[in-house]
Amino acid sequence: MKLFKSLVNLLFPRVCAACGNILLEGEDSVCTTCRFLLPKTGYENNPDNPLAQMFYGQMPFNAVMAEFFFSKTGKVQHLIHGLKYHHCRENGIFLGQEIGKSLLKAPDYQGIDFIIPIPLHPKKEKLRGYNQSLVIAEGIHEIMNVPIAEKSLVRSVFTNTQTKKSREERYQNVKDIFELKKPEQLQGKHVLLVDDVLTTGATLMSAGKALLHAEGIKISVATVACASN
């Protein structure tokens, strides 16, 4: 069996999802060098980080973090684009695992009861084949062993892409698009809201407002990446 695996790897070498170099024995998904060089933010240990400040006075999130800094043509962008547009689910699992490892040691992220991925509209999820935020949440679950409440939050309105919209247009595009199902199940719980990239925060704010229909809920936010400052 080991010989067969070695032969397969020789004929079809496994490559790093971040840089494209051939993975060495013992490496999985992302090579050791890229794991070391991916630009971590450390925001999970800074309650007043720039992402948390974005929501001050607008949304009472308990904590907000992104695992990595995002830059165009960078390795983090390559991993996220592979997940979203090229069916590389293993990228999402890896990214979620990295988030989970950081949150295990972060004081503001202790005692989480449920992980809630930002949902896609059913039409968009059917086109993509899966929800990338759910895949990231699965990676977090593997590390933190916290259940995923996949059906608690639903996206009831189909929206166009946010990519080329201004900040105000983004807020209007996602206003009131989420609906909370059975809010009593999340009453008094600490939930982790998960998304891929945090830009203006419009989507997270809209989802947070829907979650606040659960009385006494505490909401923390974790995303894969944010823009470099």
C-alpha atoms as a PDB file:
ATOM      1  CA  MET A   1       0.000   0.000   0.000  1.00  0.00           C
ATOM      2  CA  LYS A   2       2.832   2.388   0.863  1.00  0.00           C
ATOM      3  CA  LEU A   3       4.578   1.508  -2.412  1.00  0.00           C
ATOM      4  CA  PHE A   4       1.374   2.189  -4.370  1.00  0.00           C
ATOM      5  CA  LYS A   5       0.945   5.567  -2.630  1.00  0.00           C
ATOM      6  CA  SER A   6       4.541   6.494  -3.436  1.00  0.00           C
ATOM      7  CA  LEU A   7       3.986   5.552  -7.084  1.00  0.00           C
ATOM      8  CA  VAL A   8       0.836   7.698  -7.276  1.00  0.00           C
ATOM      9  CA  ASN A   9       2.684  10.642  -5.731  1.00  0.00           C
ATOM     10  CA  LEU A  10       5.480  10.181  -8.257  1.00  0.00           C
ATOM     11  CA  LEU A  11       3.092  10.187 -11.223  1.00  0.00           C
ATOM     12  CA  PHE A  12       0.727  12.808  -9.810  1.00  0.00           C
ATOM     13  CA  PRO A  13       2.743  14.872  -7.327  1.00  0.00           C
ATOM     14  CA  ARG A  14       0.799  16.682  -4.623  1.00  0.00           C
ATOM     15  CA  VAL A  15       1.491  20.413  -4.602  1.00  0.00           C
ATOM     16  CA  CYS A  16       1.173  23.150  -2.012  1.00  0.00           C
ATOM     17  CA  ALA A  17      -2.172  24.958  -2.338  1.00  0.00           C
ATOM     18  CA  ALA A  18      -0.480  28.263  -1.492  1.00  0.00           C
ATOM     19  CA  CYS A  19       2.693  28.301  -3.624  1.00  0.00           C
ATOM     20  CA  GLY A  20       2.366  25.372  -6.050  1.00  0.00           C
ATOM     21  CA  ASN A  21       5.621  23.663  -5.028  1.00  0.00           C
ATOM     22  CA  ILE A  22       5.656  19.880  -4.622  1.00  0.00           C
ATOM     23  CA  LEU A  23       4.756  18.771  -1.097  1.00  0.00           C
ATOM     24  CA  LEU A  24       7.354  16.776   0.777  1.00  0.00           C
ATOM     25  CA  GLU A  25       6.733  13.596   2.763  1.00  0.00           C
ATOM     26  CA  GLY A  26       4.664  14.481   5.817  1.00  0.00           C
ATOM     27  CA  GLU A  27       3.365  17.763   4.399  1.00  0.00           C
ATOM     28  CA  ASP A  28      -0.368  18.137   3.756  1.00  0.00           C
ATOM     29  CA  SER A  29      -2.245  20.752   1.686  1.00  0.00           C
ATOM     30  CA  VAL A  30       0.161  23.603   2.484  1.00  0.00           C
ATOM     31  CA  CYS A  31       3.937  23.243   2.671  1.00  0.00           C
ATOM     32  CA  THR A  32       5.893  23.922   5.843  1.00  0.00           C
ATOM     33  CA  THR A  33       7.467  27.067   4.416  1.00  0.00           C
ATOM     34  CA  CYS A  34       4.106  28.618   3.519  1.00  0.00           C
ATOM     35  CA  ARG A  35       2.618  27.675   6.883  1.00  0.00           C
ATOM     36  CA  PHE A  36       5.439  29.615   8.508  1.00  0.00           C
ATOM     37  CA  LEU A  37       5.232  32.608   6.153  1.00  0.00           C
ATOM     38  CA  LEU A  38       1.450  33.122   5.953  1.00  0.00           C
ATOM     39  CA  PRO A  39       0.839  36.606   7.440  1.00  0.00           C
ATOM     40  CA  LYS A  40      -0.998  36.064  10.730  1.00  0.00           C
ATOM     41  CA  THR A  41      -2.664  39.101  12.339  1.00  0.00           C
ATOM     42  CA  GLY A  42      -2.627  38.099  16.016  1.00  0.00           C
ATOM     43  CA  TYR A  43      -5.919  39.989  16.350  1.00  0.00           C
ATOM     44  CA  GLU A  44      -7.522  37.233  18.442  1.00  0.00           C
ATOM     45  CA  ASN A  45      -5.368  38.392  21.374  1.00  0.00           C
ATOM     46  CA  ASN A  46      -6.050  42.110  20.874  1.00  0.00           C
ATOM     47  CA  PRO A  47      -9.613  43.051  21.911  1.00  0.00           C
ATOM     48  CA  ASP A  48      -9.234  46.567  20.467  1.00  0.00           C
ATOM     49  CA  ASN A  49      -7.832  45.514  17.099  1.00  0.00           C
ATOM     50  CA  PRO A  50      -8.823  47.505  13.968  1.00  0.00           C
ATOM     51  CA  LEU A  51     -11.484  44.976  12.959  1.00  0.00           C
ATOM     52  CA  ALA A  52     -13.225  45.175  16.329  1.00  0.00           C
ATOM     53  CA  GLN A  53     -13.131  48.971  16.096  1.00  0.00           C
ATOM     54  CA  MET A  54     -15.046  48.838  12.793  1.00  0.00           C
ATOM     55  CA  PHE A  55     -18.152  47.726  14.671  1.00  0.00           C
ATOM     56  CA  TYR A  56     -17.941  50.014  17.713  1.00  0.00           C
ATOM     57  CA  GLY A  57     -21.294  51.726  18.244  1.00  0.00           C
ATOM     58  CA  GLN A  58     -22.912  49.679  15.496  1.00  0.00           C
ATOM     59  CA  MET A  59     -22.872  46.018  16.552  1.00  0.00           C
ATOM     60  CA  PRO A  60     -22.147  44.622  20.038  1.00  0.00           C
ATOM     61  CA  PHE A  61     -19.814  41.821  18.982  1.00  0.00           C
ATOM     62  CA  ASN A  62     -17.929  40.193  21.850  1.00  0.00           C
ATOM     63  CA  ALA A  63     -14.739  39.830  19.787  1.00  0.00           C
ATOM     64  CA  VAL A  64     -13.673  40.137  16.138  1.00  0.00           C
ATOM     65  CA  MET A  65     -10.631  38.606  14.466  1.00  0.00           C
ATOM     66  CA  ALA A  66      -9.141  37.579  11.129  1.00  0.00           C
ATOM     67  CA  GLU A  67      -6.470  34.896  11.048  1.00  0.00           C
ATOM     68  CA  PHE A  68      -4.435  36.333   8.161  1.00  0.00           C
ATOM     69  CA  PHE A  69      -3.784  39.554   6.303  1.00  0.00           C
ATOM     70  CA  PHE A  70      -5.058  39.465   2.725  1.00  0.00           C
ATOM     71  CA  SER A  71      -3.281  41.013  -0.253  1.00  0.00           C
ATOM     72  CA  LYS A  72      -3.964  40.743  -3.969  1.00  0.00           C
ATOM     73  CA  THR A  73      -1.934  37.985  -5.644  1.00  0.00           C
ATOM     74  CA  GLY A  74      -0.741  36.824  -2.200  1.00  0.00           C
ATOM     75  CA  LYS A  75      -0.771  33.265  -0.876  1.00  0.00           C
ATOM     76  CA  VAL A  76      -3.827  33.814   1.319  1.00  0.00           C
ATOM     77  CA  GLN A  77      -5.779  35.111  -1.680  1.00  0.00           C
ATOM     78  CA  HIS A  78      -4.661  32.056  -3.655  1.00  0.00           C
ATOM     79  CA  LEU A  79      -5.971  29.726  -0.942  1.00  0.00           C
ATOM     80  CA  ILE A  80      -9.316  31.522  -0.659  1.00  0.00           C
ATOM     81  CA  HIS A  81      -9.845  31.706  -4.430  1.00  0.00           C
ATOM     82  CA  GLY A  82      -9.086  27.995  -4.696  1.00  0.00           C
ATOM     83  CA  LEU A  83     -11.745  27.327  -2.081  1.00  0.00           C
ATOM     84  CA  LYS A  84     -14.404  29.622  -3.568  1.00  0.00           C
ATOM     85  CA  TYR A  85     -13.927  29.119  -7.291  1.00  0.00           C
ATOM     86  CA  HIS A  86     -11.952  25.919  -7.925  1.00  0.00           C
ATOM     87  CA  HIS A  87     -13.621  23.404  -5.570  1.00  0.00           C
ATOM     88  CA  CYS A  88     -10.534  23.117  -3.339  1.00  0.00           C
ATOM     89  CA  ARG A  89     -12.390  22.209  -0.169  1.00  0.00           C
ATOM     90  CA  GLU A  90      -9.157  21.125   1.507  1.00  0.00           C
ATOM     91  CA  ASN A  91      -8.079  24.788   1.451  1.00  0.00           C
ATOM     92  CA  GLY A  92     -11.082  25.691   3.581  1.00  0.00           C
ATOM     93  CA  ILE A  93     -10.419  22.888   6.043  1.00  0.00           C
ATOM     94  CA  PHE A  94      -6.794  24.020   6.416  1.00  0.00           C
ATOM     95  CA  LEU A  95      -7.786  27.672   6.890  1.00  0.00           C
ATOM     96  CA  GLY A  96     -10.438  26.722   9.440  1.00  0.00           C
ATOM     97  CA  GLN A  97      -7.964  24.583  11.339  1.00  0.00           C
ATOM     98  CA  GLU A  98      -5.555  27.520  11.535  1.00  0.00           C
ATOM     99  CA  ILE A  99      -8.327  29.711  12.956  1.00  0.00           C
ATOM    100  CA  GLY A 100      -9.250  27.007  15.467  1.00  0.00           C
ATOM    101  CA  LYS A 101      -5.672  26.686  16.713  1.00  0.00           C
ATOM    102  CA  SER A 102      -5.514  30.427  17.347  1.00  0.00           C
ATOM    103  CA  LEU A 103      -8.907  30.607  19.075  1.00  0.00           C
ATOM    104  CA  LEU A 104      -8.103  27.776  21.462  1.00  0.00           C
ATOM    105  CA  LYS A 105      -5.582  30.099  23.150  1.00  0.00           C
ATOM    106  CA  ALA A 106      -7.556  33.365  22.909  1.00  0.00           C
ATOM    107  CA  PRO A 107      -9.320  34.477  26.135  1.00  0.00           C
ATOM    108  CA  ASP A 108     -12.244  36.225  24.400  1.00  0.00           C
ATOM    109  CA  TYR A 109     -13.094  33.090  22.413  1.00  0.00           C
ATOM    110  CA  GLN A 110     -13.516  30.677  25.291  1.00  0.00           C
ATOM    111  CA  GLY A 111     -16.839  28.993  26.065  1.00  0.00           C
ATOM    112  CA  ILE A 112     -18.215  29.005  22.522  1.00  0.00           C
ATOM    113  CA  ASP A 113     -21.394  26.906  22.249  1.00  0.00           C
ATOM    114  CA  PHE A 114     -21.997  26.915  18.488  1.00  0.00           C
ATOM    115  CA  ILE A 115     -20.206  27.774  15.250  1.00  0.00           C
ATOM    116  CA  ILE A 116     -22.438  29.573  12.726  1.00  0.00           C
ATOM    117  CA  PRO A 117     -21.110  29.966   9.157  1.00  0.00           C
ATOM    118  CA  ILE A 118     -22.399  32.878   7.079  1.00  0.00           C
ATOM    119  CA  PRO A 119     -24.946  31.151   4.813  1.00  0.00           C
ATOM    120  CA  LEU A 120     -25.163  31.432   1.050  1.00  0.00           C
ATOM    121  CA  HIS A 121     -28.485  31.807  -0.715  1.00  0.00           C
ATOM    122  CA  PRO A 122     -29.596  28.318  -1.879  1.00  0.00           C
ATOM    123  CA  LYS A 123     -29.337  29.413  -5.523  1.00  0.00           C
ATOM    124  CA  LYS A 124     -25.715  30.538  -5.116  1.00  0.00           C
ATOM    125  CA  GLU A 125     -24.802  27.482  -3.047  1.00  0.00           C
ATOM    126  CA  LYS A 126     -26.184  25.220  -5.768  1.00  0.00           C
ATOM    127  CA  LEU A 127     -24.070  27.009  -8.391  1.00  0.00           C
ATOM    128  CA  ARG A 128     -20.894  26.836  -6.265  1.00  0.00           C
ATOM    129  CA  GLY A 129     -21.511  23.318  -5.004  1.00  0.00           C
ATOM    130  CA  TYR A 130     -20.998  24.164  -1.326  1.00  0.00           C
ATOM    131  CA  ASN A 131     -20.827  27.050   1.130  1.00  0.00           C
ATOM    132  CA  GLN A 132     -17.184  28.055   1.625  1.00  0.00           C
ATOM    133  CA  SER A 133     -17.909  29.458   5.094  1.00  0.00           C
ATOM    134  CA  LEU A 134     -19.339  26.100   6.151  1.00  0.00           C
ATOM    135  CA  VAL A 135     -16.157  24.338   4.970  1.00  0.00           C
ATOM    136  CA  ILE A 136     -14.076  26.790   7.035  1.00  0.00           C
ATOM    137  CA  ALA A 137     -16.371  26.135   9.997  1.00  0.00           C
ATOM    138  CA  GLU A 138     -15.757  22.392   9.581  1.00  0.00           C
ATOM    139  CA  GLY A 139     -12.024  23.018   9.901  1.00  0.00           C
ATOM    140  CA  ILE A 140     -12.599  25.044  13.090  1.00  0.00           C
ATOM    141  CA  HIS A 141     -14.820  22.272  14.436  1.00  0.00           C
ATOM    142  CA  GLU A 142     -12.050  19.711  13.907  1.00  0.00           C
ATOM    143  CA  ILE A 143      -9.780  21.698  16.232  1.00  0.00           C
ATOM    144  CA  MET A 144     -12.215  23.128  18.795  1.00  0.00           C
ATOM    145  CA  ASN A 145     -14.793  20.308  18.844  1.00  0.00           C
ATOM    146  CA  VAL A 146     -17.641  22.855  18.933  1.00  0.00           C
ATOM    147  CA  PRO A 147     -20.872  21.902  17.096  1.00  0.00           C
ATOM    148  CA  ILE A 148     -21.850  23.723  13.896  1.00  0.00           C
ATOM    149  CA  ALA A 149     -25.367  25.219  13.884  1.00  0.00           C
ATOM    150  CA  GLU A 150     -25.605  25.225  10.099  1.00  0.00           C
ATOM    151  CA  LYS A 151     -29.386  25.679   9.863  1.00  0.00           C
ATOM    152  CA  SER A 152     -29.820  28.398  12.514  1.00  0.00           C
ATOM    153  CA  LEU A 153     -29.153  31.311  10.165  1.00  0.00           C
ATOM    154  CA  VAL A 154     -30.520  31.377   6.621  1.00  0.00           C
ATOM    155  CA  ARG A 155     -30.025  33.773   3.728  1.00  0.00           C
ATOM    156  CA  SER A 156     -33.549  34.536   2.582  1.00  0.00           C
ATOM    157  CA  VAL A 157     -32.702  37.121  -0.108  1.00  0.00           C
ATOM    158  CA  PHE A 158     -30.524  36.562  -3.177  1.00  0.00           C
ATOM    159  CA  THR A 159     -27.961  39.364  -3.647  1.00  0.00           C
ATOM    160  CA  ASN A 160     -25.455  40.285  -6.310  1.00  0.00           C
ATOM    161  CA  THR A 161     -21.725  40.094  -5.676  1.00  0.00           C
ATOM    162  CA  GLN A 162     -20.263  42.690  -3.302  1.00  0.00           C
ATOM    163  CA  THR A 163     -16.891  42.871  -5.066  1.00  0.00           C
ATOM    164  CA  LYS A 164     -17.232  46.166  -6.981  1.00  0.00           C
ATOM    165  CA  LYS A 165     -19.663  47.945  -4.661  1.00  0.00           C
ATOM    166  CA  SER A 166     -18.854  50.927  -2.462  1.00  0.00           C
ATOM    167  CA  ARG A 167     -19.091  50.706   1.321  1.00  0.00           C
ATOM    168  CA  GLU A 168     -22.609  52.195   1.392  1.00  0.00           C
ATOM    169  CA  GLU A 169     -23.751  50.015  -1.523  1.00  0.00           C
ATOM    170  CA  ARG A 170     -22.487  46.938   0.322  1.00  0.00           C
ATOM    171  CA  TYR A 171     -24.534  47.807   3.410  1.00  0.00           C
ATOM    172  CA  GLN A 172     -27.674  48.366   1.368  1.00  0.00           C
ATOM    173  CA  ASN A 173     -27.089  45.198  -0.683  1.00  0.00           C
ATOM    174  CA  VAL A 174     -27.077  42.926   2.379  1.00  0.00           C
ATOM    175  CA  LYS A 175     -29.503  44.792   4.638  1.00  0.00           C
ATOM    176  CA  ASP A 176     -32.092  42.442   6.175  1.00  0.00           C
ATOM    177  CA  ILE A 177     -31.113  39.455   4.022  1.00  0.00           C
ATOM    178  CA  PHE A 178     -30.674  36.986   6.907  1.00  0.00           C
ATOM    179  CA  GLU A 179     -33.289  35.243   9.003  1.00  0.00           C
ATOM    180  CA  LEU A 180     -32.795  33.454  12.323  1.00  0.00           C
ATOM    181  CA  LYS A 181     -34.590  30.134  12.716  1.00  0.00           C
ATOM    182  CA  LYS A 182     -35.686  28.956  16.183  1.00  0.00           C
ATOM    183  CA  PRO A 183     -33.993  31.792  18.125  1.00  0.00           C
ATOM    184  CA  GLU A 184     -34.818  30.068  21.411  1.00  0.00           C
ATOM    185  CA  GLN A 185     -32.134  27.458  20.659  1.00  0.00           C
ATOM    186  CA  LEU A 186     -29.446  30.162  20.755  1.00  0.00           C
ATOM    187  CA  GLN A 187     -30.836  32.033  23.737  1.00  0.00           C
ATOM    188  CA  GLY A 188     -28.043  32.821  26.204  1.00  0.00           C
ATOM    189  CA  LYS A 189     -25.432  31.059  24.034  1.00  0.00           C
ATOM    190  CA  HIS A 190     -21.990  32.178  22.882  1.00  0.00           C
ATOM    191  CA  VAL A 191     -21.785  31.716  19.113  1.00  0.00           C
ATOM    192  CA  LEU A 192     -18.893  32.049  16.675  1.00  0.00           C
ATOM    193  CA  LEU A 193     -19.925  33.718  13.405  1.00  0.00           C
ATOM    194  CA  VAL A 194     -17.595  32.586  10.595  1.00  0.00           C
ATOM    195  CA  ASP A 195     -16.868  34.102   7.172  1.00  0.00           C
ATOM    196  CA  ASP A 196     -14.025  34.043   4.647  1.00  0.00           C
ATOM    197  CA  VAL A 197     -12.915  37.674   4.156  1.00  0.00           C
ATOM    198  CA  LEU A 198     -13.770  40.754   6.217  1.00  0.00           C
ATOM    199  CA  THR A 199     -13.799  43.949   4.142  1.00  0.00           C
ATOM    200  CA  THR A 200     -16.410  46.548   5.125  1.00  0.00           C
ATOM    201  CA  GLY A 201     -18.116  44.261   7.642  1.00  0.00           C
ATOM    202  CA  ALA A 202     -21.512  44.766   5.988  1.00  0.00           C
ATOM    203  CA  THR A 203     -22.377  41.067   5.719  1.00  0.00           C
ATOM    204  CA  LEU A 204     -21.278  40.300   9.277  1.00  0.00           C
ATOM    205  CA  MET A 205     -23.281  43.234  10.616  1.00  0.00           C
ATOM    206  CA  SER A 206     -26.414  42.087   8.801  1.00  0.00           C
ATOM    207  CA  ALA A 207     -25.965  38.529  10.084  1.00  0.00           C
ATOM    208  CA  GLY A 208     -25.263  39.818  13.598  1.00  0.00           C
ATOM    209  CA  LYS A 209     -28.481  41.839  13.652  1.00  0.00           C
ATOM    210  CA  ALA A 210     -30.453  38.717  12.749  1.00  0.00           C
ATOM    211  CA  LEU A 211     -28.715  36.705  15.489  1.00  0.00           C
ATOM    212  CA  LEU A 212     -29.609  39.350  18.084  1.00  0.00           C
ATOM    213  CA  HIS A 213     -33.203  38.102  17.901  1.00  0.00           C
ATOM    214  CA  ALA A 214     -31.987  35.353  20.242  1.00  0.00           C
ATOM    215  CA  GLU A 215     -32.265  36.824  23.730  1.00  0.00           C
ATOM    216  CA  GLY A 216     -29.007  37.042  25.680  1.00  0.00           C
ATOM    217  CA  ILE A 217     -26.857  35.807  22.803  1.00  0.00           C
ATOM    218  CA  LYS A 218     -23.120  36.607  22.736  1.00  0.00           C
ATOM    219  CA  ILE A 219     -21.566  36.831  19.268  1.00  0.00           C
ATOM    220  CA  SER A 220     -17.885  36.524  18.431  1.00  0.00           C
ATOM    221  CA  VAL A 221     -16.564  36.776  14.873  1.00  0.00           C
ATOM    222  CA  ALA A 222     -13.774  34.854  13.150  1.00  0.00           C
ATOM    223  CA  THR A 223     -12.774  35.260   9.508  1.00  0.00           C
ATOM    224  CA  VAL A 224      -9.942  33.855   7.444  1.00  0.00           C
ATOM    225  CA  ALA A 225      -8.572  37.174   6.256  1.00  0.00           C
ATOM    226  CA  CYS A 226      -8.759  40.941   6.221  1.00  0.00           C
ATOM    227  CA  ALA A 227      -7.000  43.630   4.214  1.00  0.00           C
ATOM    228  CA  SER A 228      -3.543  44.728   5.303  1.00  0.00           C
ATOM    229  CA  ASN A 229      -3.411  48.123   7.003  1.00  0.00           C
END
